[in-house]
């Protein structure tokens, strides 16, 4: 099973919040788009060297960071219309697009995603 992490899921892990254990168990097979990685960095606000250290640390645990492909960007763009009423950001839609494109299970802390009705498996970590 391929796992795609939303920024909210990785932040829950990093900040030892509820749901951290589910993320920890999935890290060895997890991917994350670099769009969502930027969201993580924005939230934890590390210095440049700390950001690099965090990236290496997450990669050593098995997290694979992937650039958003053109196809995934197009999926994310098209998702706006069906997700705007749920308040999803571009980063949220990028995560979903990676999951839809790869066939992976999307892990998120945002329970509203369970109501989206999209063709992707979503696991709320809490």
PDB file of N, CA and C in Angstrom:
ATOM      1  N   UNK A   1       0.845  -1.185   0.000  1.00  0.00           N
ATOM      2  CA  UNK A   1       0.000   0.000   0.000  1.00  0.00           C
ATOM      3  C   UNK A   1       0.884   1.240   0.000  1.00  0.00           C
ATOM      4  N   UNK A   2       0.637   2.123  -0.918  1.00  0.00           N
ATOM      5  CA  UNK A   2       1.334   3.400  -0.985  1.00  0.00           C
ATOM      6  C   UNK A   2       0.571   4.425  -0.153  1.00  0.00           C
ATOM      7  N   UNK A   3       1.292   5.211   0.617  1.00  0.00           N
ATOM      8  CA  UNK A   3       0.686   6.226   1.469  1.00  0.00           C
ATOM      9  C   UNK A   3       1.149   7.605   1.009  1.00  0.00           C
ATOM     10  N   UNK A   4       0.208   8.527   0.885  1.00  0.00           N
ATOM     11  CA  UNK A   4       0.505   9.909   0.542  1.00  0.00           C
ATOM     12  C   UNK A   4       0.137  10.757   1.759  1.00  0.00           C
ATOM     13  N   UNK A   5       1.117  11.478   2.292  1.00  0.00           N
ATOM     14  CA  UNK A   5       0.871  12.283   3.493  1.00  0.00           C
ATOM     15  C   UNK A   5       0.484  13.704   3.144  1.00  0.00           C
ATOM     16  N   UNK A   6      -0.550  14.172   3.791  1.00  0.00           N
ATOM     17  CA  UNK A   6      -0.898  15.584   3.779  1.00  0.00           C
ATOM     18  C   UNK A   6      -0.009  16.284   4.811  1.00  0.00           C
ATOM     19  N   UNK A   7       0.181  17.571   4.644  1.00  0.00           N
ATOM     20  CA  UNK A   7       0.980  18.337   5.606  1.00  0.00           C
ATOM     21  C   UNK A   7       0.418  18.186   7.019  1.00  0.00           C
ATOM     22  N   UNK A   8      -0.902  18.172   7.152  1.00  0.00           N
ATOM     23  CA  UNK A   8      -1.513  18.068   8.482  1.00  0.00           C
ATOM     24  C   UNK A   8      -1.129  16.761   9.173  1.00  0.00           C
ATOM     25  N   UNK A   9      -0.983  15.694   8.400  1.00  0.00           N
ATOM     26  CA  UNK A   9      -0.603  14.405   8.980  1.00  0.00           C
ATOM     27  C   UNK A   9       0.843  14.433   9.462  1.00  0.00           C
ATOM     28  N   UNK A  10       1.745  14.948   8.630  1.00  0.00           N
ATOM     29  CA  UNK A  10       3.146  14.997   9.046  1.00  0.00           C
ATOM     30  C   UNK A  10       3.331  15.958  10.216  1.00  0.00           C
ATOM     31  N   UNK A  11       2.604  17.052  10.234  1.00  0.00           N
ATOM     32  CA  UNK A  11       2.682  17.983  11.363  1.00  0.00           C
ATOM     33  C   UNK A  11       2.205  17.315  12.654  1.00  0.00           C
ATOM     34  N   UNK A  12       1.161  16.500  12.560  1.00  0.00           N
ATOM     35  CA  UNK A  12       0.689  15.775  13.744  1.00  0.00           C
ATOM     36  C   UNK A  12       1.796  14.864  14.273  1.00  0.00           C
ATOM     37  N   UNK A  13       2.518  14.227  13.370  1.00  0.00           N
ATOM     38  CA  UNK A  13       3.631  13.366  13.768  1.00  0.00           C
ATOM     39  C   UNK A  13       4.746  14.191  14.425  1.00  0.00           C
ATOM     40  N   UNK A  14       5.128  15.261  13.778  1.00  0.00           N
ATOM     41  CA  UNK A  14       6.236  16.079  14.273  1.00  0.00           C
ATOM     42  C   UNK A  14       5.925  16.738  15.611  1.00  0.00           C
ATOM     43  N   UNK A  15       4.664  17.063  15.832  1.00  0.00           N
ATOM     44  CA  UNK A  15       4.273  17.770  17.052  1.00  0.00           C
ATOM     45  C   UNK A  15       3.664  16.833  18.098  1.00  0.00           C
ATOM     46  N   UNK A  16       3.799  15.516  17.847  1.00  0.00           N
ATOM     47  CA  UNK A  16       3.319  14.489  18.780  1.00  0.00           C
ATOM     48  C   UNK A  16       1.856  14.684  19.157  1.00  0.00           C
ATOM     49  N   UNK A  17       1.048  14.989  18.152  1.00  0.00           N
ATOM     50  CA  UNK A  17      -0.387  15.192  18.344  1.00  0.00           C
ATOM     51  C   UNK A  17      -1.124  13.870  18.137  1.00  0.00           C
ATOM     52  N   UNK A  18      -2.411  13.827  18.492  1.00  0.00           N
ATOM     53  CA  UNK A  18      -3.196  12.622  18.198  1.00  0.00           C
ATOM     54  C   UNK A  18      -3.072  12.261  16.711  1.00  0.00           C
ATOM     55  N   UNK A  19      -2.903  10.982  16.449  1.00  0.00           N
ATOM     56  CA  UNK A  19      -2.723  10.507  15.080  1.00  0.00           C
ATOM     57  C   UNK A  19      -1.274  10.302  14.698  1.00  0.00           C
ATOM     58  N   UNK A  20      -0.352  10.749  15.545  1.00  0.00           N
ATOM     59  CA  UNK A  20       1.079  10.629  15.245  1.00  0.00           C
ATOM     60  C   UNK A  20       1.496   9.173  15.041  1.00  0.00           C
ATOM     61  N   UNK A  21       0.907   8.263  15.813  1.00  0.00           N
ATOM     62  CA  UNK A  21       1.272   6.850  15.695  1.00  0.00           C
ATOM     63  C   UNK A  21       0.922   6.279  14.322  1.00  0.00           C
ATOM     64  N   UNK A  22      -0.216   6.679  13.771  1.00  0.00           N
ATOM     65  CA  UNK A  22      -0.611   6.200  12.440  1.00  0.00           C
ATOM     66  C   UNK A  22       0.378   6.667  11.383  1.00  0.00           C
ATOM     67  N   UNK A  23       0.839   7.901  11.515  1.00  0.00           N
ATOM     68  CA  UNK A  23       1.818   8.443  10.568  1.00  0.00           C
ATOM     69  C   UNK A  23       3.153   7.730  10.742  1.00  0.00           C
ATOM     70  N   UNK A  24       3.568   7.539  11.979  1.00  0.00           N
ATOM     71  CA  UNK A  24       4.838   6.850  12.250  1.00  0.00           C
ATOM     72  C   UNK A  24       4.846   5.470  11.599  1.00  0.00           C
ATOM     73  N   UNK A  25       3.746   4.748  11.702  1.00  0.00           N
ATOM     74  CA  UNK A  25       3.654   3.401  11.142  1.00  0.00           C
ATOM     75  C   UNK A  25       3.722   3.410   9.618  1.00  0.00           C
ATOM     76  N   UNK A  26       3.333   4.519   8.995  1.00  0.00           N
ATOM     77  CA  UNK A  26       3.287   4.600   7.529  1.00  0.00           C
ATOM     78  C   UNK A  26       4.526   5.231   6.913  1.00  0.00           C
ATOM     79  N   UNK A  27       5.393   5.834   7.710  1.00  0.00           N
ATOM     80  CA  UNK A  27       6.510   6.605   7.159  1.00  0.00           C
ATOM     81  C   UNK A  27       7.411   5.807   6.218  1.00  0.00           C
ATOM     82  N   UNK A  28       7.597   4.538   6.467  1.00  0.00           N
ATOM     83  CA  UNK A  28       8.480   3.733   5.639  1.00  0.00           C
ATOM     84  C   UNK A  28       8.025   3.575   4.207  1.00  0.00           C
ATOM     85  N   UNK A  29       6.732   3.814   3.957  1.00  0.00           N
ATOM     86  CA  UNK A  29       6.185   3.679   2.613  1.00  0.00           C
ATOM     87  C   UNK A  29       5.493   4.957   2.147  1.00  0.00           C
ATOM     88  N   UNK A  30       5.758   6.060   2.807  1.00  0.00           N
ATOM     89  CA  UNK A  30       5.032   7.295   2.544  1.00  0.00           C
ATOM     90  C   UNK A  30       5.734   8.203   1.542  1.00  0.00           C
ATOM     91  N   UNK A  31       4.902   8.914   0.796  1.00  0.00           N
ATOM     92  CA  UNK A  31       5.379   9.972  -0.085  1.00  0.00           C
ATOM     93  C   UNK A  31       4.662  11.263   0.296  1.00  0.00           C
ATOM     94  N   UNK A  32       5.248  12.354  -0.128  1.00  0.00           N
ATOM     95  CA  UNK A  32       4.642  13.670   0.080  1.00  0.00           C
ATOM     96  C   UNK A  32       5.103  14.559  -1.055  1.00  0.00           C
ATOM     97  N   UNK A  33       4.185  15.361  -1.566  1.00  0.00           N
ATOM     98  CA  UNK A  33       4.591  16.297  -2.610  1.00  0.00           C
ATOM     99  C   UNK A  33       5.414  17.420  -1.982  1.00  0.00           C
ATOM    100  N   UNK A  34       6.278  17.984  -2.770  1.00  0.00           N
ATOM    101  CA  UNK A  34       7.083  19.098  -2.271  1.00  0.00           C
ATOM    102  C   UNK A  34       6.210  20.319  -1.976  1.00  0.00           C
ATOM    103  N   UNK A  35       5.025  20.382  -2.568  1.00  0.00           N
ATOM    104  CA  UNK A  35       4.076  21.448  -2.222  1.00  0.00           C
ATOM    105  C   UNK A  35       3.679  21.307  -0.756  1.00  0.00           C
ATOM    106  N   UNK A  36       3.361  20.078  -0.347  1.00  0.00           N
ATOM    107  CA  UNK A  36       2.971  19.845   1.039  1.00  0.00           C
ATOM    108  C   UNK A  36       4.158  19.950   1.979  1.00  0.00           C
ATOM    109  N   UNK A  37       5.345  19.595   1.496  1.00  0.00           N
ATOM    110  CA  UNK A  37       6.553  19.782   2.301  1.00  0.00           C
ATOM    111  C   UNK A  37       6.747  21.268   2.600  1.00  0.00           C
ATOM    112  N   UNK A  38       6.484  22.125   1.620  1.00  0.00           N
ATOM    113  CA  UNK A  38       6.589  23.572   1.836  1.00  0.00           C
ATOM    114  C   UNK A  38       5.625  24.024   2.932  1.00  0.00           C
ATOM    115  N   UNK A  39       4.436  23.431   2.974  1.00  0.00           N
ATOM    116  CA  UNK A  39       3.481  23.763   4.033  1.00  0.00           C
ATOM    117  C   UNK A  39       4.023  23.366   5.408  1.00  0.00           C
ATOM    118  N   UNK A  40       4.644  22.211   5.478  1.00  0.00           N
ATOM    119  CA  UNK A  40       5.228  21.761   6.747  1.00  0.00           C
ATOM    120  C   UNK A  40       6.302  22.740   7.192  1.00  0.00           C
ATOM    121  N   UNK A  41       7.203  23.086   6.284  1.00  0.00           N
ATOM    122  CA  UNK A  41       8.284  24.021   6.614  1.00  0.00           C
ATOM    123  C   UNK A  41       7.717  25.372   7.046  1.00  0.00           C
ATOM    124  N   UNK A  42       6.678  25.822   6.355  1.00  0.00           N
ATOM    125  CA  UNK A  42       6.038  27.097   6.714  1.00  0.00           C
ATOM    126  C   UNK A  42       5.515  27.064   8.153  1.00  0.00           C
ATOM    127  N   UNK A  43       4.929  25.950   8.549  1.00  0.00           N
ATOM    128  CA  UNK A  43       4.328  25.844   9.886  1.00  0.00           C
ATOM    129  C   UNK A  43       5.360  25.700  10.993  1.00  0.00           C
ATOM    130  N   UNK A  44       6.431  24.947  10.745  1.00  0.00           N
ATOM    131  CA  UNK A  44       7.418  24.754  11.812  1.00  0.00           C
ATOM    132  C   UNK A  44       8.486  25.838  11.802  1.00  0.00           C
ATOM    133  N   UNK A  45       8.569  26.608  10.724  1.00  0.00           N
ATOM    134  CA  UNK A  45       9.455  27.768  10.592  1.00  0.00           C
ATOM    135  C   UNK A  45      10.889  27.535  11.059  1.00  0.00           C
ATOM    136  N   UNK A  46      11.524  26.504  10.571  1.00  0.00           N
ATOM    137  CA  UNK A  46      12.916  26.295  10.977  1.00  0.00           C
ATOM    138  C   UNK A  46      13.858  27.189  10.181  1.00  0.00           C
ATOM    139  N   UNK A  47      15.068  27.318  10.671  1.00  0.00           N
ATOM    140  CA  UNK A  47      16.096  27.994   9.886  1.00  0.00           C
ATOM    141  C   UNK A  47      16.405  27.116   8.670  1.00  0.00           C
ATOM    142  N   UNK A  48      17.188  27.649   7.751  1.00  0.00           N
ATOM    143  CA  UNK A  48      17.523  26.883   6.551  1.00  0.00           C
ATOM    144  C   UNK A  48      18.216  25.568   6.904  1.00  0.00           C
ATOM    145  N   UNK A  49      19.178  25.627   7.810  1.00  0.00           N
ATOM    146  CA  UNK A  49      19.900  24.403   8.172  1.00  0.00           C
ATOM    147  C   UNK A  49      18.990  23.420   8.905  1.00  0.00           C
ATOM    148  N   UNK A  50      18.083  23.934   9.731  1.00  0.00           N
ATOM    149  CA  UNK A  50      17.148  23.048  10.427  1.00  0.00           C
ATOM    150  C   UNK A  50      16.166  22.403   9.456  1.00  0.00           C
ATOM    151  N   UNK A  51      15.774  23.143   8.421  1.00  0.00           N
ATOM    152  CA  UNK A  51      14.867  22.593   7.410  1.00  0.00           C
ATOM    153  C   UNK A  51      15.539  21.450   6.663  1.00  0.00           C
ATOM    154  N   UNK A  52      16.791  21.636   6.313  1.00  0.00           N
ATOM    155  CA  UNK A  52      17.552  20.580   5.631  1.00  0.00           C
ATOM    156  C   UNK A  52      17.696  19.376   6.547  1.00  0.00           C
ATOM    157  N   UNK A  53      18.004  19.618   7.807  1.00  0.00           N
ATOM    158  CA  UNK A  53      18.143  18.530   8.781  1.00  0.00           C
ATOM    159  C   UNK A  53      16.824  17.783   8.947  1.00  0.00           C
ATOM    160  N   UNK A  54      15.712  18.507   9.008  1.00  0.00           N
ATOM    161  CA  UNK A  54      14.399  17.879   9.120  1.00  0.00           C
ATOM    162  C   UNK A  54      14.109  17.030   7.880  1.00  0.00           C
ATOM    163  N   UNK A  55      14.431  17.563   6.711  1.00  0.00           N
ATOM    164  CA  UNK A  55      14.214  16.814   5.462  1.00  0.00           C
ATOM    165  C   UNK A  55      15.014  15.514   5.475  1.00  0.00           C
ATOM    166  N   UNK A  56      16.289  15.606   5.808  1.00  0.00           N
ATOM    167  CA  UNK A  56      17.113  14.401   5.864  1.00  0.00           C
ATOM    168  C   UNK A  56      16.591  13.420   6.906  1.00  0.00           C
ATOM    169  N   UNK A  57      16.152  13.933   8.031  1.00  0.00           N
ATOM    170  CA  UNK A  57      15.602  13.067   9.070  1.00  0.00           C
ATOM    171  C   UNK A  57      14.354  12.332   8.608  1.00  0.00           C
ATOM    172  N   UNK A  58      13.456  13.043   7.948  1.00  0.00           N
ATOM    173  CA  UNK A  58      12.228  12.409   7.452  1.00  0.00           C
ATOM    174  C   UNK A  58      12.544  11.403   6.355  1.00  0.00           C
ATOM    175  N   UNK A  59      13.489  11.741   5.490  1.00  0.00           N
ATOM    176  CA  UNK A  59      13.872  10.809   4.432  1.00  0.00           C
ATOM    177  C   UNK A  59      14.538   9.560   5.012  1.00  0.00           C
ATOM    178  N   UNK A  60      15.298   9.718   6.088  1.00  0.00           N
ATOM    179  CA  UNK A  60      15.930   8.547   6.703  1.00  0.00           C
ATOM    180  C   UNK A  60      14.896   7.614   7.325  1.00  0.00           C
ATOM    181  N   UNK A  61      13.717   8.141   7.651  1.00  0.00           N
ATOM    182  CA  UNK A  61      12.627   7.320   8.177  1.00  0.00           C
ATOM    183  C   UNK A  61      11.784   6.701   7.068  1.00  0.00           C
ATOM    184  N   UNK A  62      12.103   7.047   5.816  1.00  0.00           N
ATOM    185  CA  UNK A  62      11.413   6.446   4.679  1.00  0.00           C
ATOM    186  C   UNK A  62      10.522   7.368   3.890  1.00  0.00           C
ATOM    187  N   UNK A  63      10.342   8.605   4.317  1.00  0.00           N
ATOM    188  CA  UNK A  63       9.497   9.535   3.580  1.00  0.00           C
ATOM    189  C   UNK A  63      10.177   9.929   2.273  1.00  0.00           C
ATOM    190  N   UNK A  64       9.435   9.818   1.178  1.00  0.00           N
ATOM    191  CA  UNK A  64       9.926  10.229  -0.129  1.00  0.00           C
ATOM    192  C   UNK A  64       9.226  11.516  -0.534  1.00  0.00           C
ATOM    193  N   UNK A  65      10.000  12.539  -0.830  1.00  0.00           N
ATOM    194  CA  UNK A  65       9.460  13.820  -1.286  1.00  0.00           C
ATOM    195  C   UNK A  65       9.514  13.851  -2.804  1.00  0.00           C
ATOM    196  N   UNK A  66       8.374  14.184  -3.410  1.00  0.00           N
ATOM    197  CA  UNK A  66       8.270  14.174  -4.861  1.00  0.00           C
ATOM    198  C   UNK A  66       7.765  15.509  -5.382  1.00  0.00           C
ATOM    199  N   UNK A  67       8.363  16.008  -6.469  1.00  0.00           N
ATOM    200  CA  UNK A  67       7.819  17.215  -7.082  1.00  0.00           C
ATOM    201  C   UNK A  67       6.442  16.917  -7.666  1.00  0.00           C
ATOM    202  N   UNK A  68       5.591  17.897  -7.663  1.00  0.00           N
ATOM    203  CA  UNK A  68       4.259  17.752  -8.244  1.00  0.00           C
ATOM    204  C   UNK A  68       4.409  17.704  -9.762  1.00  0.00           C
ATOM    205  N   UNK A  69       3.880  16.667 -10.380  1.00  0.00           N
ATOM    206  CA  UNK A  69       3.977  16.536 -11.835  1.00  0.00           C
ATOM    207  C   UNK A  69       2.953  17.443 -12.517  1.00  0.00           C
ATOM    208  N   UNK A  70       3.111  17.623 -13.805  1.00  0.00           N
ATOM    209  CA  UNK A  70       2.157  18.425 -14.571  1.00  0.00           C
ATOM    210  C   UNK A  70       0.759  17.804 -14.505  1.00  0.00           C
ATOM    211  N   UNK A  71       0.681  16.498 -14.599  1.00  0.00           N
ATOM    212  CA  UNK A  71      -0.620  15.816 -14.520  1.00  0.00           C
ATOM    213  C   UNK A  71      -1.249  16.048 -13.152  1.00  0.00           C
ATOM    214  N   UNK A  72      -0.461  15.916 -12.094  1.00  0.00           N
ATOM    215  CA  UNK A  72      -0.979  16.129 -10.745  1.00  0.00           C
ATOM    216  C   UNK A  72      -1.409  17.582 -10.545  1.00  0.00           C
ATOM    217  N   UNK A  73      -0.671  18.515 -11.104  1.00  0.00           N
ATOM    218  CA  UNK A  73      -1.048  19.926 -11.018  1.00  0.00           C
ATOM    219  C   UNK A  73      -2.384  20.174 -11.713  1.00  0.00           C
ATOM    220  N   UNK A  74      -2.589  19.520 -12.835  1.00  0.00           N
ATOM    221  CA  UNK A  74      -3.859  19.665 -13.555  1.00  0.00           C
ATOM    222  C   UNK A  74      -5.013  19.074 -12.759  1.00  0.00           C
ATOM    223  N   UNK A  75      -4.780  17.923 -12.124  1.00  0.00           N
ATOM    224  CA  UNK A  75      -5.809  17.319 -11.269  1.00  0.00           C
ATOM    225  C   UNK A  75      -6.137  18.274 -10.122  1.00  0.00           C
ATOM    226  N   UNK A  76      -5.108  18.810  -9.480  1.00  0.00           N
ATOM    227  CA  UNK A  76      -5.319  19.742  -8.355  1.00  0.00           C
ATOM    228  C   UNK A  76      -6.115  20.958  -8.797  1.00  0.00           C
ATOM    229  N   UNK A  77      -5.798  21.469  -9.964  1.00  0.00           N
ATOM    230  CA  UNK A  77      -6.532  22.620 -10.482  1.00  0.00           C
ATOM    231  C   UNK A  77      -7.995  22.302 -10.733  1.00  0.00           C
ATOM    232  N   UNK A  78      -8.256  21.136 -11.298  1.00  0.00           N
ATOM    233  CA  UNK A  78      -9.639  20.734 -11.585  1.00  0.00           C
ATOM    234  C   UNK A  78     -10.423  20.427 -10.307  1.00  0.00           C
ATOM    235  N   UNK A  79      -9.740  20.070  -9.230  1.00  0.00           N
ATOM    236  CA  UNK A  79     -10.423  19.758  -7.970  1.00  0.00           C
ATOM    237  C   UNK A  79     -11.009  20.989  -7.282  1.00  0.00           C
ATOM    238  N   UNK A  80     -10.568  22.158  -7.671  1.00  0.00           N
ATOM    239  CA  UNK A  80     -11.032  23.365  -6.979  1.00  0.00           C
ATOM    240  C   UNK A  80     -12.544  23.459  -6.954  1.00  0.00           C
ATOM    241  N   UNK A  81     -13.176  23.252  -8.100  1.00  0.00           N
ATOM    242  CA  UNK A  81     -14.626  23.413  -8.189  1.00  0.00           C
ATOM    243  C   UNK A  81     -15.377  22.477  -7.241  1.00  0.00           C
ATOM    244  N   UNK A  82     -14.930  21.232  -7.130  1.00  0.00           N
ATOM    245  CA  UNK A  82     -15.651  20.269  -6.282  1.00  0.00           C
ATOM    246  C   UNK A  82     -15.261  20.343  -4.809  1.00  0.00           C
ATOM    247  N   UNK A  83     -14.210  21.080  -4.485  1.00  0.00           N
ATOM    248  CA  UNK A  83     -13.766  21.124  -3.084  1.00  0.00           C
ATOM    249  C   UNK A  83     -13.863  22.504  -2.445  1.00  0.00           C
ATOM    250  N   UNK A  84     -14.194  23.519  -3.226  1.00  0.00           N
ATOM    251  CA  UNK A  84     -14.197  24.890  -2.696  1.00  0.00           C
ATOM    252  C   UNK A  84     -15.153  25.028  -1.510  1.00  0.00           C
ATOM    253  N   UNK A  85     -16.276  24.348  -1.547  1.00  0.00           N
ATOM    254  CA  UNK A  85     -17.248  24.469  -0.436  1.00  0.00           C
ATOM    255  C   UNK A  85     -16.739  23.850   0.859  1.00  0.00           C
ATOM    256  N   UNK A  86     -15.691  23.022   0.757  1.00  0.00           N
ATOM    257  CA  UNK A  86     -15.087  22.412   1.940  1.00  0.00           C
ATOM    258  C   UNK A  86     -13.885  23.219   2.450  1.00  0.00           C
ATOM    259  N   UNK A  87     -13.525  24.269   1.720  1.00  0.00           N
ATOM    260  CA  UNK A  87     -12.439  25.141   2.148  1.00  0.00           C
ATOM    261  C   UNK A  87     -11.043  24.592   1.910  1.00  0.00           C
ATOM    262  N   UNK A  88     -10.881  23.688   0.948  1.00  0.00           N
ATOM    263  CA  UNK A  88      -9.563  23.112   0.698  1.00  0.00           C
ATOM    264  C   UNK A  88      -8.631  24.110   0.013  1.00  0.00           C
ATOM    265  N   UNK A  89      -7.388  24.088   0.439  1.00  0.00           N
ATOM    266  CA  UNK A  89      -6.363  24.956  -0.129  1.00  0.00           C
ATOM    267  C   UNK A  89      -5.738  24.284  -1.346  1.00  0.00           C
ATOM    268  N   UNK A  90      -4.893  25.022  -2.043  1.00  0.00           N
ATOM    269  CA  UNK A  90      -4.147  24.443  -3.150  1.00  0.00           C
ATOM    270  C   UNK A  90      -3.272  23.291  -2.652  1.00  0.00           C
ATOM    271  N   UNK A  91      -2.658  23.448  -1.491  1.00  0.00           N
ATOM    272  CA  UNK A  91      -1.842  22.377  -0.919  1.00  0.00           C
ATOM    273  C   UNK A  91      -2.661  21.121  -0.650  1.00  0.00           C
ATOM    274  N   UNK A  92      -3.869  21.308  -0.119  1.00  0.00           N
ATOM    275  CA  UNK A  92      -4.759  20.170   0.123  1.00  0.00           C
ATOM    276  C   UNK A  92      -5.058  19.448  -1.184  1.00  0.00           C
ATOM    277  N   UNK A  93      -5.378  20.231  -2.207  1.00  0.00           N
ATOM    278  CA  UNK A  93      -5.712  19.641  -3.499  1.00  0.00           C
ATOM    279  C   UNK A  93      -4.499  18.984  -4.154  1.00  0.00           C
ATOM    280  N   UNK A  94      -3.311  19.524  -3.902  1.00  0.00           N
ATOM    281  CA  UNK A  94      -2.093  18.897  -4.425  1.00  0.00           C
ATOM    282  C   UNK A  94      -1.908  17.524  -3.799  1.00  0.00           C
ATOM    283  N   UNK A  95      -2.125  17.422  -2.513  1.00  0.00           N
ATOM    284  CA  UNK A  95      -2.014  16.134  -1.825  1.00  0.00           C
ATOM    285  C   UNK A  95      -3.017  15.133  -2.395  1.00  0.00           C
ATOM    286  N   UNK A  96      -4.250  15.554  -2.534  1.00  0.00           N
ATOM    287  CA  UNK A  96      -5.276  14.675  -3.092  1.00  0.00           C
ATOM    288  C   UNK A  96      -4.933  14.259  -4.518  1.00  0.00           C
ATOM    289  N   UNK A  97      -4.396  15.184  -5.289  1.00  0.00           N
ATOM    290  CA  UNK A  97      -4.030  14.884  -6.676  1.00  0.00           C
ATOM    291  C   UNK A  97      -2.945  13.815  -6.738  1.00  0.00           C
ATOM    292  N   UNK A  98      -1.969  13.895  -5.840  1.00  0.00           N
ATOM    293  CA  UNK A  98      -0.919  12.872  -5.794  1.00  0.00           C
ATOM    294  C   UNK A  98      -1.542  11.517  -5.457  1.00  0.00           C
ATOM    295  N   UNK A  99      -2.435  11.503  -4.494  1.00  0.00           N
ATOM    296  CA  UNK A  99      -3.111  10.257  -4.140  1.00  0.00           C
ATOM    297  C   UNK A  99      -3.943   9.706  -5.282  1.00  0.00           C
ATOM    298  N   UNK A 100      -4.657  10.558  -5.963  1.00  0.00           N
ATOM    299  CA  UNK A 100      -5.482  10.118  -7.090  1.00  0.00           C
ATOM    300  C   UNK A 100      -4.617   9.598  -8.230  1.00  0.00           C
ATOM    301  N   UNK A 101      -3.529  10.275  -8.499  1.00  0.00           N
ATOM    302  CA  UNK A 101      -2.647   9.892  -9.606  1.00  0.00           C
ATOM    303  C   UNK A 101      -1.896   8.597  -9.313  1.00  0.00           C
ATOM    304  N   UNK A 102      -1.499   8.406  -8.059  1.00  0.00           N
ATOM    305  CA  UNK A 102      -0.680   7.244  -7.699  1.00  0.00           C
ATOM    306  C   UNK A 102      -1.500   6.043  -7.237  1.00  0.00           C
ATOM    307  N   UNK A 103      -2.760   6.275  -6.902  1.00  0.00           N
ATOM    308  CA  UNK A 103      -3.578   5.202  -6.349  1.00  0.00           C
ATOM    309  C   UNK A 103      -3.281   4.925  -4.889  1.00  0.00           C
ATOM    310  N   UNK A 104      -2.585   5.843  -4.243  1.00  0.00           N
ATOM    311  CA  UNK A 104      -2.221   5.670  -2.847  1.00  0.00           C
ATOM    312  C   UNK A 104      -3.328   6.077  -1.895  1.00  0.00           C
ATOM    313  N   UNK A 105      -3.147   5.699  -0.637  1.00  0.00           N
ATOM    314  CA  UNK A 105      -4.063   6.098   0.432  1.00  0.00           C
ATOM    315  C   UNK A 105      -3.566   7.417   0.996  1.00  0.00           C
ATOM    316  N   UNK A 106      -4.445   8.408   1.055  1.00  0.00           N
ATOM    317  CA  UNK A 106      -4.084   9.732   1.553  1.00  0.00           C
ATOM    318  C   UNK A 106      -4.344   9.801   3.048  1.00  0.00           C
ATOM    319  N   UNK A 107      -3.303  10.133   3.809  1.00  0.00           N
ATOM    320  CA  UNK A 107      -3.420  10.321   5.251  1.00  0.00           C
ATOM    321  C   UNK A 107      -3.521  11.816   5.545  1.00  0.00           C
ATOM    322  N   UNK A 108      -4.526  12.188   6.335  1.00  0.00           N
ATOM    323  CA  UNK A 108      -4.737  13.583   6.697  1.00  0.00           C
ATOM    324  C   UNK A 108      -5.307  13.680   8.105  1.00  0.00           C
ATOM    325  N   UNK A 109      -5.133  14.832   8.706  1.00  0.00           N
ATOM    326  CA  UNK A 109      -5.768  15.121   9.990  1.00  0.00           C
ATOM    327  C   UNK A 109      -7.073  15.894   9.786  1.00  0.00           C
ATOM    328  N   UNK A 110      -7.376  16.210   8.545  1.00  0.00           N
ATOM    329  CA  UNK A 110      -8.573  17.001   8.211  1.00  0.00           C
ATOM    330  C   UNK A 110      -9.748  16.077   7.914  1.00  0.00           C
ATOM    331  N   UNK A 111     -10.586  15.842   8.902  1.00  0.00           N
ATOM    332  CA  UNK A 111     -11.692  14.890   8.773  1.00  0.00           C
ATOM    333  C   UNK A 111     -12.696  15.286   7.688  1.00  0.00           C
ATOM    334  N   UNK A 112     -12.778  16.545   7.347  1.00  0.00           N
ATOM    335  CA  UNK A 112     -13.726  16.974   6.320  1.00  0.00           C
ATOM    336  C   UNK A 112     -13.431  16.304   4.980  1.00  0.00           C
ATOM    337  N   UNK A 113     -12.185  15.881   4.783  1.00  0.00           N
ATOM    338  CA  UNK A 113     -11.830  15.212   3.531  1.00  0.00           C
ATOM    339  C   UNK A 113     -12.632  13.927   3.328  1.00  0.00           C
ATOM    340  N   UNK A 114     -13.103  13.316   4.397  1.00  0.00           N
ATOM    341  CA  UNK A 114     -13.887  12.088   4.294  1.00  0.00           C
ATOM    342  C   UNK A 114     -15.222  12.342   3.604  1.00  0.00           C
ATOM    343  N   UNK A 115     -15.643  13.588   3.536  1.00  0.00           N
ATOM    344  CA  UNK A 115     -16.924  13.959   2.930  1.00  0.00           C
ATOM    345  C   UNK A 115     -16.795  14.374   1.470  1.00  0.00           C
ATOM    346  N   UNK A 116     -15.602  14.348   0.910  1.00  0.00           N
ATOM    347  CA  UNK A 116     -15.373  14.880  -0.436  1.00  0.00           C
ATOM    348  C   UNK A 116     -15.983  14.046  -1.546  1.00  0.00           C
ATOM    349  N   UNK A 117     -16.084  12.742  -1.354  1.00  0.00           N
ATOM    350  CA  UNK A 117     -16.653  11.883  -2.389  1.00  0.00           C
ATOM    351  C   UNK A 117     -15.772  11.752  -3.621  1.00  0.00           C
ATOM    352  N   UNK A 118     -14.462  11.824  -3.438  1.00  0.00           N
ATOM    353  CA  UNK A 118     -13.532  11.716  -4.559  1.00  0.00           C
ATOM    354  C   UNK A 118     -13.103  10.265  -4.760  1.00  0.00           C
ATOM    355  N   UNK A 119     -12.551  10.001  -5.927  1.00  0.00           N
ATOM    356  CA  UNK A 119     -12.075   8.662  -6.271  1.00  0.00           C
ATOM    357  C   UNK A 119     -10.663   8.450  -5.745  1.00  0.00           C
ATOM    358  N   UNK A 120     -10.521   8.498  -4.418  1.00  0.00           N
ATOM    359  CA  UNK A 120      -9.253   8.269  -3.754  1.00  0.00           C
ATOM    360  C   UNK A 120      -9.566   7.818  -2.324  1.00  0.00           C
ATOM    361  N   UNK A 121      -8.775   6.887  -1.826  1.00  0.00           N
ATOM    362  CA  UNK A 121      -8.966   6.430  -0.446  1.00  0.00           C
ATOM    363  C   UNK A 121      -8.321   7.434   0.508  1.00  0.00           C
ATOM    364  N   UNK A 122      -9.104   7.859   1.489  1.00  0.00           N
ATOM    365  CA  UNK A 122      -8.633   8.839   2.466  1.00  0.00           C
ATOM    366  C   UNK A 122      -8.722   8.229   3.862  1.00  0.00           C
ATOM    367  N   UNK A 123      -7.641   8.366   4.618  1.00  0.00           N
ATOM    368  CA  UNK A 123      -7.619   7.893   6.012  1.00  0.00           C
ATOM    369  C   UNK A 123      -7.408   9.104   6.912  1.00  0.00           C
ATOM    370  N   UNK A 124      -8.399   9.363   7.770  1.00  0.00           N
ATOM    371  CA  UNK A 124      -8.251  10.407   8.781  1.00  0.00           C
ATOM    372  C   UNK A 124      -7.469   9.807   9.938  1.00  0.00           C
ATOM    373  N   UNK A 125      -6.372  10.447  10.304  1.00  0.00           N
ATOM    374  CA  UNK A 125      -5.494   9.882  11.334  1.00  0.00           C
ATOM    375  C   UNK A 125      -6.028  10.097  12.737  1.00  0.00           C
ATOM    376  N   UNK A 126      -7.030  10.937  12.886  1.00  0.00           N
ATOM    377  CA  UNK A 126      -7.656  11.144  14.212  1.00  0.00           C
ATOM    378  C   UNK A 126      -9.123  11.468  14.049  1.00  0.00           C
TER     379      UNK A 126
END
